[in-house]
Every structure is written in structure tokens, then in C-alpha cells.
């Protein structure tokens, strides 16, 4: 009996010792750091993220993930509860992304800020503040990869349409035409060979023509120099042009003197002659009027003039 009781006491003591060791280990390893809660709400998938996952702020470990649950108020939305060191500068412009450790696929929450100096984000255990969870690098690569695959598929379909039998015949015909054009271009040097052989002779003839043109230009230059000399002689002081000008001036002066002489000598005579002609015409007009009134005066002569007052034979008129 004593052996049994001794064994029972030994077993109980061992069990109590194990329980005490477990409790001591839990107490020793408990997290004594005080943290403040925050809440991440997202509709994106969060593969590899588990409770107790790390929370980092720009690479520094500042907290952990407390729980991951579905939002009871919004269907399809996931709520991630995190606790962060109070000294972490979480502001209104802070946002979160998911990062992954190496090739293990274990996810963690990465906090970052768009700018520095923003207002601190106030939070509490009763009402934890929400931080925006944005797509991470892998999510962006996944979305862009899908778009790239869609574009590759469109390009493949376009290539299939381009390479259908009808277009293949057109492409083959185009290559055939290009081959024919290349052959035609290859025959051009052979056709140009006679012309190329005549180029030296043509160059010699061109050089002779240029020499003739140069000689002709020299003759033209001599003629031009002769014309310049002749023009210089004509335009020189006392030259032919000056003599012609002097002669013209003398002729003009002579004509002007002749006109002045005619005006001074002949003009008064012409004026006297015109006055005498005017007087004769008036006398002739008086005579004609008298003849019209007394035609008999041609035979009997002109009647005697009636005596005026004071003359002999004057008779005063009676009323």
C-alpha cells in the first residue's frame, strides 16, 4: 500500500510540476507591451495573413494582428484587428498594404504614410480607428498580369486573323513581288554599264564646253570693257555728250531771241494794221446802210445834211 501511495504522490507531484512549468512559460512569454487597437476593412483577398502576424511601419515591427473576421454589417468585407505600439506615428494619411516574407508566403501588414507631419489618428478600444488597406505589390502585379494576358490574347487572335489562308496568299504574293523587284533592281547596273562607260567621254566634252564658255565669257568681258571705255569717253567732261548739250543750249537761246524780236518788232505793226482794218470796216458798214436806205444816192448824190440849231436854214420843230 505504501508503494502505491508513494507512486500516486509522485504522479500527482509530476503533473502539478508540469502544469506549473506551462503556466510559468505562458506568463514569462506573455506580451507586456501596451498597444492601441486599429481596424482594417477590405474586400480584397488576404492570403497568407493569420492572427499573430506581424505589423510593420516602414519595415519596423510595431505590432501584431489580433483577429481576422468577416464584417457582420457588410457582406463580403473582411475586418482585420491589429494592435500597434502607441509611439507609432499613425496619422490620417497612413495606409496599409500586405507584404510577404520571402518564399514562405507568410503575410504581414505593412503600414506607410503618404506624407510626413499629418494629424495623428485618434483611436480607442471602444471605437478603433480604421486604416485604409490598399492593394499590395502582388495584387497590382496580379491585376496587371490579367490585363497583360487579355492583351496577349487579343494580339494572338489578331495574329490568327492576319495569318488566315487568304491573308497568307496575299503575304506570299507581296514577297513574290518584292523578290521580282529585287531582281529588276539587280539588272539595272547591267543596263547602266554602257552609260557609265560613256561618262569619261561626256566629262571630257563637258570640260571642253566649259573651256569654250570661259573663252566666250572673256570675249564678252573685253566687249564690256570696250563699252565701258566708250561710255567713259562720251560722258567725260568736254566730251561728245557735253558738246551736243552745248549745241542744243545755243540753238534754244537763238530760238528764244528770235521769238523775242518778233514779239517786239512785228507785233506793234500788226496791232496798228488791225485797228485800221477795223475803222475801214466801220466806214464800209455805214456806207452800205446809207445805200440800203437811199439807193438813188448813187445817181443823185447824198442829200444835204439838215441844219442844226444855230446854222443857216434851221427851223425849230413845231408841236
C-alpha atoms as a PDB file:
ATOM      1  CA  UNK A   1       0.000   0.000   0.000  1.00  0.00           C
ATOM      2  CA  UNK A   2       2.807   2.355   0.862  1.00  0.00           C
ATOM      3  CA  UNK A   3       4.385   1.734  -2.526  1.00  0.00           C
ATOM      4  CA  UNK A   4       1.094   2.551  -4.243  1.00  0.00           C
ATOM      5  CA  UNK A   5       0.576   5.744  -2.226  1.00  0.00           C
ATOM      6  CA  UNK A   6       4.132   6.762  -2.899  1.00  0.00           C
ATOM      7  CA  UNK A   7       3.690   6.245  -6.626  1.00  0.00           C
ATOM      8  CA  UNK A   8       0.406   8.205  -6.563  1.00  0.00           C
ATOM      9  CA  UNK A   9       2.027  11.136  -4.798  1.00  0.00           C
ATOM     10  CA  UNK A  10       4.902  11.032  -7.220  1.00  0.00           C
ATOM     11  CA  UNK A  11       2.477  11.143 -10.193  1.00  0.00           C
ATOM     12  CA  UNK A  12       0.475  13.998  -8.708  1.00  0.00           C
ATOM     13  CA  UNK A  13       3.631  15.946  -7.998  1.00  0.00           C
ATOM     14  CA  UNK A  14       4.849  15.406 -11.561  1.00  0.00           C
ATOM     15  CA  UNK A  15       1.537  16.602 -13.040  1.00  0.00           C
ATOM     16  CA  UNK A  16       1.486  19.683 -10.801  1.00  0.00           C
ATOM     17  CA  UNK A  17       5.085  20.428 -11.714  1.00  0.00           C
ATOM     18  CA  UNK A  18       4.264  20.203 -15.449  1.00  0.00           C
ATOM     19  CA  UNK A  19       1.239  22.460 -15.054  1.00  0.00           C
ATOM     20  CA  UNK A  20       3.330  24.953 -13.109  1.00  0.00           C
ATOM     21  CA  UNK A  21       6.046  24.864 -15.767  1.00  0.00           C
ATOM     22  CA  UNK A  22       3.459  25.520 -18.538  1.00  0.00           C
ATOM     23  CA  UNK A  23       1.883  28.386 -16.588  1.00  0.00           C
ATOM     24  CA  UNK A  24       5.301  29.855 -15.872  1.00  0.00           C
ATOM     25  CA  UNK A  25       6.248  29.639 -19.547  1.00  0.00           C
ATOM     26  CA  UNK A  26       2.991  31.317 -20.595  1.00  0.00           C
ATOM     27  CA  UNK A  27       3.403  34.036 -18.011  1.00  0.00           C
ATOM     28  CA  UNK A  28       7.037  34.538 -18.903  1.00  0.00           C
ATOM     29  CA  UNK A  29       6.331  34.752 -22.642  1.00  0.00           C
ATOM     30  CA  UNK A  30       3.245  36.961 -22.428  1.00  0.00           C
ATOM     31  CA  UNK A  31       3.373  40.280 -24.213  1.00  0.00           C
ATOM     32  CA  UNK A  32       3.682  43.001 -21.574  1.00  0.00           C
ATOM     33  CA  UNK A  33       3.770  45.869 -24.122  1.00  0.00           C
ATOM     34  CA  UNK A  34       0.687  48.085 -24.098  1.00  0.00           C
ATOM     35  CA  UNK A  35      -0.729  48.616 -27.605  1.00  0.00           C
ATOM     36  CA  UNK A  36      -3.565  50.588 -29.163  1.00  0.00           C
ATOM     37  CA  UNK A  37      -6.109  48.959 -31.494  1.00  0.00           C
ATOM     38  CA  UNK A  38      -6.802  49.797 -35.126  1.00  0.00           C
ATOM     39  CA  UNK A  39      -9.130  48.239 -37.678  1.00  0.00           C
ATOM     40  CA  UNK A  40      -8.511  47.365 -41.327  1.00  0.00           C
ATOM     41  CA  UNK A  41     -11.572  46.823 -43.543  1.00  0.00           C
ATOM     42  CA  UNK A  42     -11.132  45.415 -47.035  1.00  0.00           C
ATOM     43  CA  UNK A  43     -12.902  43.465 -49.760  1.00  0.00           C
ATOM     44  CA  UNK A  44      -9.617  42.190 -51.210  1.00  0.00           C
ATOM     45  CA  UNK A  45      -8.369  38.663 -50.544  1.00  0.00           C
ATOM     46  CA  UNK A  46      -5.796  38.326 -47.738  1.00  0.00           C
ATOM     47  CA  UNK A  47      -3.997  35.046 -48.478  1.00  0.00           C
ATOM     48  CA  UNK A  48      -1.274  34.054 -46.019  1.00  0.00           C
ATOM     49  CA  UNK A  49      -2.407  36.503 -43.311  1.00  0.00           C
ATOM     50  CA  UNK A  50      -3.063  34.874 -39.946  1.00  0.00           C
ATOM     51  CA  UNK A  51      -3.617  36.070 -36.369  1.00  0.00           C
ATOM     52  CA  UNK A  52      -0.392  36.937 -34.568  1.00  0.00           C
ATOM     53  CA  UNK A  53       1.109  38.051 -37.875  1.00  0.00           C
ATOM     54  CA  UNK A  54       3.492  40.994 -37.618  1.00  0.00           C
ATOM     55  CA  UNK A  55       2.558  44.619 -38.208  1.00  0.00           C
ATOM     56  CA  UNK A  56       5.396  46.783 -39.504  1.00  0.00           C
ATOM     57  CA  UNK A  57       5.689  50.519 -40.017  1.00  0.00           C
ATOM     58  CA  UNK A  58       8.097  51.207 -42.883  1.00  0.00           C
ATOM     59  CA  UNK A  59       9.942  47.985 -42.105  1.00  0.00           C
ATOM     60  CA  UNK A  60       9.985  48.334 -38.297  1.00  0.00           C
ATOM     61  CA  UNK A  61       7.967  45.851 -36.235  1.00  0.00           C
ATOM     62  CA  UNK A  62       5.368  47.842 -34.266  1.00  0.00           C
ATOM     63  CA  UNK A  63       2.544  45.388 -33.520  1.00  0.00           C
ATOM     64  CA  UNK A  64       0.640  42.270 -34.462  1.00  0.00           C
ATOM     65  CA  UNK A  65      -2.625  41.044 -35.929  1.00  0.00           C
ATOM     66  CA  UNK A  66      -5.151  40.236 -33.211  1.00  0.00           C
ATOM     67  CA  UNK A  67      -8.026  38.748 -35.217  1.00  0.00           C
ATOM     68  CA  UNK A  68      -9.420  38.325 -38.719  1.00  0.00           C
ATOM     69  CA  UNK A  69     -13.209  38.164 -39.071  1.00  0.00           C
ATOM     70  CA  UNK A  70     -15.989  38.854 -41.552  1.00  0.00           C
ATOM     71  CA  UNK A  71     -17.864  42.116 -41.228  1.00  0.00           C
ATOM     72  CA  UNK A  72     -21.371  41.291 -39.957  1.00  0.00           C
ATOM     73  CA  UNK A  73     -22.734  44.552 -41.374  1.00  0.00           C
ATOM     74  CA  UNK A  74     -21.251  44.439 -44.890  1.00  0.00           C
ATOM     75  CA  UNK A  75     -21.371  41.169 -46.800  1.00  0.00           C
ATOM     76  CA  UNK A  76     -18.037  40.148 -48.339  1.00  0.00           C
ATOM     77  CA  UNK A  77     -15.975  42.632 -46.302  1.00  0.00           C
ATOM     78  CA  UNK A  78     -13.170  41.394 -44.053  1.00  0.00           C
ATOM     79  CA  UNK A  79     -12.216  43.094 -40.767  1.00  0.00           C
ATOM     80  CA  UNK A  80      -8.611  42.821 -39.557  1.00  0.00           C
ATOM     81  CA  UNK A  81      -7.992  43.881 -35.943  1.00  0.00           C
ATOM     82  CA  UNK A  82      -4.425  44.967 -35.254  1.00  0.00           C
ATOM     83  CA  UNK A  83      -2.708  46.356 -32.195  1.00  0.00           C
ATOM     84  CA  UNK A  84       0.138  48.829 -32.611  1.00  0.00           C
ATOM     85  CA  UNK A  85       2.690  50.441 -30.339  1.00  0.00           C
ATOM     86  CA  UNK A  86       1.321  53.833 -29.148  1.00  0.00           C
ATOM     87  CA  UNK A  87       4.569  55.517 -30.220  1.00  0.00           C
ATOM     88  CA  UNK A  88       3.947  54.569 -33.858  1.00  0.00           C
ATOM     89  CA  UNK A  89       3.155  57.765 -35.863  1.00  0.00           C
ATOM     90  CA  UNK A  90      -0.187  56.601 -37.280  1.00  0.00           C
ATOM     91  CA  UNK A  91      -1.841  59.638 -38.960  1.00  0.00           C
ATOM     92  CA  UNK A  92      -4.886  60.356 -41.088  1.00  0.00           C
ATOM     93  CA  UNK A  93      -2.822  59.753 -44.252  1.00  0.00           C
ATOM     94  CA  UNK A  94      -1.439  56.382 -43.085  1.00  0.00           C
ATOM     95  CA  UNK A  95      -2.416  53.382 -45.209  1.00  0.00           C
ATOM     96  CA  UNK A  96      -1.750  49.637 -45.046  1.00  0.00           C
ATOM     97  CA  UNK A  97      -0.676  47.010 -47.564  1.00  0.00           C
ATOM     98  CA  UNK A  98       0.056  43.300 -47.381  1.00  0.00           C
ATOM     99  CA  UNK A  99       3.663  42.164 -47.598  1.00  0.00           C
ATOM    100  CA  UNK A 100       5.060  38.649 -47.856  1.00  0.00           C
ATOM    101  CA  UNK A 101       8.126  37.169 -46.252  1.00  0.00           C
ATOM    102  CA  UNK A 102      10.479  35.551 -48.747  1.00  0.00           C
ATOM    103  CA  UNK A 103       9.192  32.392 -50.423  1.00  0.00           C
ATOM    104  CA  UNK A 104       7.218  31.135 -47.430  1.00  0.00           C
ATOM    105  CA  UNK A 105       4.079  33.067 -48.370  1.00  0.00           C
ATOM    106  CA  UNK A 106       3.535  34.252 -44.781  1.00  0.00           C
ATOM    107  CA  UNK A 107       1.876  37.654 -44.955  1.00  0.00           C
ATOM    108  CA  UNK A 108       2.262  40.652 -42.677  1.00  0.00           C
ATOM    109  CA  UNK A 109       0.706  44.122 -42.511  1.00  0.00           C
ATOM    110  CA  UNK A 110       2.881  46.940 -43.806  1.00  0.00           C
ATOM    111  CA  UNK A 111       1.970  50.478 -42.648  1.00  0.00           C
ATOM    112  CA  UNK A 112       3.149  53.516 -44.601  1.00  0.00           C
ATOM    113  CA  UNK A 113       2.313  57.211 -44.874  1.00  0.00           C
ATOM    114  CA  UNK A 114       1.800  59.407 -47.940  1.00  0.00           C
ATOM    115  CA  UNK A 115       3.473  62.412 -46.296  1.00  0.00           C
ATOM    116  CA  UNK A 116       5.010  63.435 -43.000  1.00  0.00           C
ATOM    117  CA  UNK A 117       3.598  65.902 -40.490  1.00  0.00           C
ATOM    118  CA  UNK A 118      -0.064  64.881 -40.811  1.00  0.00           C
ATOM    119  CA  UNK A 119      -2.503  64.907 -37.917  1.00  0.00           C
ATOM    120  CA  UNK A 120      -2.368  61.863 -35.606  1.00  0.00           C
ATOM    121  CA  UNK A 121      -5.218  59.372 -35.929  1.00  0.00           C
ATOM    122  CA  UNK A 122      -7.168  59.081 -32.669  1.00  0.00           C
ATOM    123  CA  UNK A 123      -8.263  55.562 -31.678  1.00  0.00           C
ATOM    124  CA  UNK A 124      -9.601  53.684 -28.651  1.00  0.00           C
ATOM    125  CA  UNK A 125     -10.516  50.154 -27.619  1.00  0.00           C
ATOM    126  CA  UNK A 126     -14.226  51.001 -27.751  1.00  0.00           C
ATOM    127  CA  UNK A 127     -14.036  52.674 -31.160  1.00  0.00           C
ATOM    128  CA  UNK A 128     -10.887  51.621 -33.056  1.00  0.00           C
ATOM    129  CA  UNK A 129      -9.945  53.920 -35.946  1.00  0.00           C
ATOM    130  CA  UNK A 130      -9.959  52.486 -39.439  1.00  0.00           C
ATOM    131  CA  UNK A 131      -6.897  52.441 -41.702  1.00  0.00           C
ATOM    132  CA  UNK A 132      -7.236  52.040 -45.471  1.00  0.00           C
ATOM    133  CA  UNK A 133      -5.913  48.741 -46.828  1.00  0.00           C
ATOM    134  CA  UNK A 134      -4.589  49.269 -50.348  1.00  0.00           C
ATOM    135  CA  UNK A 135      -3.570  46.663 -52.925  1.00  0.00           C
ATOM    136  CA  UNK A 136      -0.029  45.427 -52.394  1.00  0.00           C
ATOM    137  CA  UNK A 137       2.657  44.753 -54.956  1.00  0.00           C
ATOM    138  CA  UNK A 138       1.456  41.202 -55.643  1.00  0.00           C
ATOM    139  CA  UNK A 139      -2.148  42.379 -56.035  1.00  0.00           C
ATOM    140  CA  UNK A 140      -1.072  45.048 -58.516  1.00  0.00           C
ATOM    141  CA  UNK A 141       1.037  42.506 -60.392  1.00  0.00           C
ATOM    142  CA  UNK A 142      -1.912  40.135 -60.460  1.00  0.00           C
ATOM    143  CA  UNK A 143      -4.268  42.787 -61.888  1.00  0.00           C
ATOM    144  CA  UNK A 144      -1.728  43.980 -64.414  1.00  0.00           C
ATOM    145  CA  UNK A 145      -0.882  40.376 -65.278  1.00  0.00           C
ATOM    146  CA  UNK A 146      -4.554  39.739 -66.072  1.00  0.00           C
ATOM    147  CA  UNK A 147      -4.673  42.814 -68.294  1.00  0.00           C
ATOM    148  CA  UNK A 148      -1.443  41.752 -69.996  1.00  0.00           C
ATOM    149  CA  UNK A 149      -2.846  38.269 -70.579  1.00  0.00           C
ATOM    150  CA  UNK A 150      -6.018  39.783 -72.042  1.00  0.00           C
ATOM    151  CA  UNK A 151      -3.928  41.932 -74.361  1.00  0.00           C
ATOM    152  CA  UNK A 152      -1.780  38.934 -75.328  1.00  0.00           C
ATOM    153  CA  UNK A 153      -4.945  37.011 -76.105  1.00  0.00           C
ATOM    154  CA  UNK A 154      -6.212  39.872 -78.279  1.00  0.00           C
ATOM    155  CA  UNK A 155      -2.869  40.009 -80.087  1.00  0.00           C
ATOM    156  CA  UNK A 156      -2.988  36.257 -80.618  1.00  0.00           C
ATOM    157  CA  UNK A 157      -6.488  36.467 -82.049  1.00  0.00           C
ATOM    158  CA  UNK A 158      -5.427  39.329 -84.337  1.00  0.00           C
ATOM    159  CA  UNK A 159      -2.395  37.293 -85.452  1.00  0.00           C
ATOM    160  CA  UNK A 160      -4.663  34.326 -86.205  1.00  0.00           C
ATOM    161  CA  UNK A 161      -6.924  36.564 -88.294  1.00  0.00           C
ATOM    162  CA  UNK A 162      -3.873  38.011 -90.040  1.00  0.00           C
ATOM    163  CA  UNK A 163      -2.474  34.570 -90.835  1.00  0.00           C
ATOM    164  CA  UNK A 164      -5.651  33.067 -92.272  1.00  0.00           C
ATOM    165  CA  UNK A 165      -5.282  31.356 -95.686  1.00  0.00           C
ATOM    166  CA  UNK A 166      -6.455  34.381 -97.706  1.00  0.00           C
ATOM    167  CA  UNK A 167      -4.017  36.736 -95.983  1.00  0.00           C
ATOM    168  CA  UNK A 168      -1.262  34.149 -96.313  1.00  0.00           C
ATOM    169  CA  UNK A 169      -1.750  34.161-100.079  1.00  0.00           C
ATOM    170  CA  UNK A 170      -1.591  37.988-100.054  1.00  0.00           C
ATOM    171  CA  UNK A 171       1.605  37.951 -97.973  1.00  0.00           C
ATOM    172  CA  UNK A 172       3.188  35.328-100.251  1.00  0.00           C
ATOM    173  CA  UNK A 173       2.234  37.446-103.280  1.00  0.00           C
ATOM    174  CA  UNK A 174       3.785  40.504-101.663  1.00  0.00           C
ATOM    175  CA  UNK A 175       7.028  38.637-101.022  1.00  0.00           C
ATOM    176  CA  UNK A 176       6.959  37.409-104.634  1.00  0.00           C
ATOM    177  CA  UNK A 177       6.581  40.977-105.870  1.00  0.00           C
ATOM    178  CA  UNK A 178       9.427  42.101-103.622  1.00  0.00           C
ATOM    179  CA  UNK A 179      11.602  39.308-104.997  1.00  0.00           C
ATOM    180  CA  UNK A 180      10.782  40.360-108.578  1.00  0.00           C
ATOM    181  CA  UNK A 181      11.545  43.985-107.756  1.00  0.00           C
ATOM    182  CA  UNK A 182      14.879  42.934-106.248  1.00  0.00           C
ATOM    183  CA  UNK A 183      15.738  41.024-109.415  1.00  0.00           C
ATOM    184  CA  UNK A 184      14.783  44.027-111.539  1.00  0.00           C
ATOM    185  CA  UNK A 185      16.999  46.275-109.411  1.00  0.00           C
ATOM    186  CA  UNK A 186      19.804  43.755-109.825  1.00  0.00           C
ATOM    187  CA  UNK A 187      19.529  44.079-113.631  1.00  0.00           C
ATOM    188  CA  UNK A 188      19.732  47.887-113.511  1.00  0.00           C
ATOM    189  CA  UNK A 189      23.562  48.015-113.081  1.00  0.00           C
ATOM    190  CA  UNK A 190      23.965  45.879-116.201  1.00  0.00           C
ATOM    191  CA  UNK A 191      21.723  48.213-118.173  1.00  0.00           C
ATOM    192  CA  UNK A 192      23.591  51.252-116.886  1.00  0.00           C
ATOM    193  CA  UNK A 193      27.006  49.818-117.750  1.00  0.00           C
ATOM    194  CA  UNK A 194      27.149  51.338-121.325  1.00  0.00           C
ATOM    195  CA  UNK A 195      26.109  54.708-119.965  1.00  0.00           C
ATOM    196  CA  UNK A 196      28.743  54.512-117.250  1.00  0.00           C
ATOM    197  CA  UNK A 197      31.383  53.678-119.858  1.00  0.00           C
ATOM    198  CA  UNK A 198      30.442  56.874-121.772  1.00  0.00           C
ATOM    199  CA  UNK A 199      30.756  59.037-118.684  1.00  0.00           C
ATOM    200  CA  UNK A 200      34.518  59.792-119.129  1.00  0.00           C
ATOM    201  CA  UNK A 201      33.919  60.945-122.735  1.00  0.00           C
ATOM    202  CA  UNK A 202      30.955  63.007-121.579  1.00  0.00           C
ATOM    203  CA  UNK A 203      33.078  64.529-118.830  1.00  0.00           C
ATOM    204  CA  UNK A 204      35.782  65.460-121.390  1.00  0.00           C
ATOM    205  CA  UNK A 205      33.184  67.077-123.672  1.00  0.00           C
ATOM    206  CA  UNK A 206      31.762  68.918-120.708  1.00  0.00           C
ATOM    207  CA  UNK A 207      35.220  70.185-119.819  1.00  0.00           C
ATOM    208  CA  UNK A 208      35.737  71.405-123.419  1.00  0.00           C
ATOM    209  CA  UNK A 209      32.365  73.129-123.329  1.00  0.00           C
ATOM    210  CA  UNK A 210      33.294  74.789-120.092  1.00  0.00           C
ATOM    211  CA  UNK A 211      36.580  75.955-121.667  1.00  0.00           C
ATOM    212  CA  UNK A 212      34.668  77.404-124.630  1.00  0.00           C
ATOM    213  CA  UNK A 213      32.253  79.110-122.282  1.00  0.00           C
ATOM    214  CA  UNK A 214      35.189  80.516-120.329  1.00  0.00           C
ATOM    215  CA  UNK A 215      36.755  81.898-123.543  1.00  0.00           C
ATOM    216  CA  UNK A 216      33.390  83.346-124.621  1.00  0.00           C
ATOM    217  CA  UNK A 217      32.982  84.953-121.245  1.00  0.00           C
ATOM    218  CA  UNK A 218      36.467  86.502-121.680  1.00  0.00           C
ATOM    219  CA  UNK A 219      35.438  87.978-125.050  1.00  0.00           C
ATOM    220  CA  UNK A 220      32.232  89.255-123.523  1.00  0.00           C
ATOM    221  CA  UNK A 221      34.329  90.824-120.784  1.00  0.00           C
ATOM    222  CA  UNK A 222      36.514  92.561-123.367  1.00  0.00           C
ATOM    223  CA  UNK A 223      33.438  93.889-125.191  1.00  0.00           C
ATOM    224  CA  UNK A 224      32.031  95.078-121.905  1.00  0.00           C
ATOM    225  CA  UNK A 225      35.319  96.816-121.083  1.00  0.00           C
ATOM    226  CA  UNK A 226      35.287  98.486-124.543  1.00  0.00           C
ATOM    227  CA  UNK A 227      31.723  99.644-123.968  1.00  0.00           C
ATOM    228  CA  UNK A 228      32.750 100.978-120.584  1.00  0.00           C
ATOM    229  CA  UNK A 229      35.654 102.886-122.176  1.00  0.00           C
ATOM    230  CA  UNK A 230      33.370 104.290-124.910  1.00  0.00           C
ATOM    231  CA  UNK A 231      30.791 105.315-122.313  1.00  0.00           C
ATOM    232  CA  UNK A 232      33.553 106.953-120.279  1.00  0.00           C
ATOM    233  CA  UNK A 233      34.701 108.961-123.313  1.00  0.00           C
ATOM    234  CA  UNK A 234      31.146 110.014-124.147  1.00  0.00           C
ATOM    235  CA  UNK A 235      30.411 111.027-120.572  1.00  0.00           C
ATOM    236  CA  UNK A 236      33.799 112.667-119.893  1.00  0.00           C
ATOM    237  CA  UNK A 237      33.871 116.473-119.327  1.00  0.00           C
ATOM    238  CA  UNK A 238      34.134 118.210-122.749  1.00  0.00           C
ATOM    239  CA  UNK A 239      33.168 115.005-124.486  1.00  0.00           C
ATOM    240  CA  UNK A 240      30.656 114.344-127.225  1.00  0.00           C
ATOM    241  CA  UNK A 241      27.619 114.377-124.896  1.00  0.00           C
ATOM    242  CA  UNK A 242      28.695 117.716-123.362  1.00  0.00           C
ATOM    243  CA  UNK A 243      29.256 119.229-126.865  1.00  0.00           C
ATOM    244  CA  UNK A 244      25.819 118.064-128.036  1.00  0.00           C
ATOM    245  CA  UNK A 245      24.322 119.602-124.906  1.00  0.00           C
ATOM    246  CA  UNK A 246      26.072 122.920-125.511  1.00  0.00           C
ATOM    247  CA  UNK A 247      24.880 122.971-129.130  1.00  0.00           C
ATOM    248  CA  UNK A 248      21.291 122.290-128.048  1.00  0.00           C
ATOM    249  CA  UNK A 249      21.534 125.073-125.475  1.00  0.00           C
ATOM    250  CA  UNK A 250      22.809 127.555-128.120  1.00  0.00           C
ATOM    251  CA  UNK A 251      20.011 126.615-130.534  1.00  0.00           C
ATOM    252  CA  UNK A 252      17.479 127.111-127.784  1.00  0.00           C
ATOM    253  CA  UNK A 253      18.865 130.576-126.971  1.00  0.00           C
ATOM    254  CA  UNK A 254      18.734 131.548-130.664  1.00  0.00           C
ATOM    255  CA  UNK A 255      15.114 130.452-130.975  1.00  0.00           C
ATOM    256  CA  UNK A 256      14.243 132.333-127.819  1.00  0.00           C
ATOM    257  CA  UNK A 257      15.969 135.544-129.149  1.00  0.00           C
ATOM    258  CA  UNK A 258      14.124 135.211-132.486  1.00  0.00           C
ATOM    259  CA  UNK A 259      10.801 134.879-130.711  1.00  0.00           C
ATOM    260  CA  UNK A 260      11.585 137.955-128.583  1.00  0.00           C
ATOM    261  CA  UNK A 261      12.500 140.003-131.709  1.00  0.00           C
ATOM    262  CA  UNK A 262       9.300 139.021-133.494  1.00  0.00           C
ATOM    263  CA  UNK A 263       7.288 139.918-130.406  1.00  0.00           C
ATOM    264  CA  UNK A 264       8.954 143.376-130.038  1.00  0.00           C
ATOM    265  CA  UNK A 265       9.081 144.491-133.727  1.00  0.00           C
ATOM    266  CA  UNK A 266       6.266 142.844-135.696  1.00  0.00           C
ATOM    267  CA  UNK A 267       3.600 142.788-133.012  1.00  0.00           C
ATOM    268  CA  UNK A 268       3.021 146.649-132.815  1.00  0.00           C
ATOM    269  CA  UNK A 269       2.646 146.832-136.631  1.00  0.00           C
ATOM    270  CA  UNK A 270       0.175 144.002-136.543  1.00  0.00           C
ATOM    271  CA  UNK A 271      -1.853 145.854-133.873  1.00  0.00           C
ATOM    272  CA  UNK A 272      -1.932 149.133-135.931  1.00  0.00           C
ATOM    273  CA  UNK A 273      -2.927 147.214-139.041  1.00  0.00           C
ATOM    274  CA  UNK A 274      -5.790 145.567-137.197  1.00  0.00           C
ATOM    275  CA  UNK A 275      -7.053 148.982-135.910  1.00  0.00           C
ATOM    276  CA  UNK A 276      -7.035 150.462-139.459  1.00  0.00           C
ATOM    277  CA  UNK A 277      -8.876 147.411-140.786  1.00  0.00           C
ATOM    278  CA  UNK A 278     -11.482 147.761-138.026  1.00  0.00           C
ATOM    279  CA  UNK A 279     -12.022 151.519-138.919  1.00  0.00           C
ATOM    280  CA  UNK A 280     -12.341 150.727-142.628  1.00  0.00           C
ATOM    281  CA  UNK A 281     -14.917 148.052-141.878  1.00  0.00           C
ATOM    282  CA  UNK A 282     -16.988 150.501-139.795  1.00  0.00           C
ATOM    283  CA  UNK A 283     -16.930 153.080-142.679  1.00  0.00           C
ATOM    284  CA  UNK A 284     -17.901 150.387-145.172  1.00  0.00           C
ATOM    285  CA  UNK A 285     -20.770 149.320-142.902  1.00  0.00           C
ATOM    286  CA  UNK A 286     -22.062 152.945-142.670  1.00  0.00           C
ATOM    287  CA  UNK A 287     -21.919 153.340-146.445  1.00  0.00           C
ATOM    288  CA  UNK A 288     -23.799 150.114-147.015  1.00  0.00           C
ATOM    289  CA  UNK A 289     -26.501 151.155-144.560  1.00  0.00           C
ATOM    290  CA  UNK A 290     -26.870 154.529-146.382  1.00  0.00           C
ATOM    291  CA  UNK A 291     -27.181 152.810-149.735  1.00  0.00           C
ATOM    292  CA  UNK A 292     -29.811 150.500-148.336  1.00  0.00           C
ATOM    293  CA  UNK A 293     -31.835 153.491-147.133  1.00  0.00           C
ATOM    294  CA  UNK A 294     -31.336 155.719-150.263  1.00  0.00           C
ATOM    295  CA  UNK A 295     -30.313 153.733-153.325  1.00  0.00           C
ATOM    296  CA  UNK A 296     -30.889 156.827-155.549  1.00  0.00           C
ATOM    297  CA  UNK A 297     -27.960 158.471-153.852  1.00  0.00           C
ATOM    298  CA  UNK A 298     -25.746 156.579-156.253  1.00  0.00           C
ATOM    299  CA  UNK A 299     -27.197 158.702-159.126  1.00  0.00           C
ATOM    300  CA  UNK A 300     -28.124 161.949-157.385  1.00  0.00           C
ATOM    301  CA  UNK A 301     -25.609 162.010-154.703  1.00  0.00           C
ATOM    302  CA  UNK A 302     -26.063 162.126-150.992  1.00  0.00           C
ATOM    303  CA  UNK A 303     -28.779 164.536-149.618  1.00  0.00           C
ATOM    304  CA  UNK A 304     -27.701 167.653-147.868  1.00  0.00           C
ATOM    305  CA  UNK A 305     -27.499 167.405-144.121  1.00  0.00           C
ATOM    306  CA  UNK A 306     -30.317 169.026-142.097  1.00  0.00           C
ATOM    307  CA  UNK A 307     -29.036 172.288-140.489  1.00  0.00           C
ATOM    308  CA  UNK A 308     -28.772 172.090-136.773  1.00  0.00           C
ATOM    309  CA  UNK A 309     -29.517 174.782-134.178  1.00  0.00           C
ATOM    310  CA  UNK A 310     -27.572 177.995-134.908  1.00  0.00           C
ATOM    311  CA  UNK A 311     -26.957 177.052-138.527  1.00  0.00           C
ATOM    312  CA  UNK A 312     -28.492 178.839-141.534  1.00  0.00           C
ATOM    313  CA  UNK A 313     -31.859 177.454-142.539  1.00  0.00           C
ATOM    314  CA  UNK A 314     -32.570 175.849-139.161  1.00  0.00           C
ATOM    315  CA  UNK A 315     -36.300 175.613-138.461  1.00  0.00           C
ATOM    316  CA  UNK A 316     -37.409 174.732-134.982  1.00  0.00           C
ATOM    317  CA  UNK A 317     -39.830 171.894-134.878  1.00  0.00           C
ATOM    318  CA  UNK A 318     -43.478 172.696-134.061  1.00  0.00           C
ATOM    319  CA  UNK A 319     -45.594 170.819-131.588  1.00  0.00           C
END
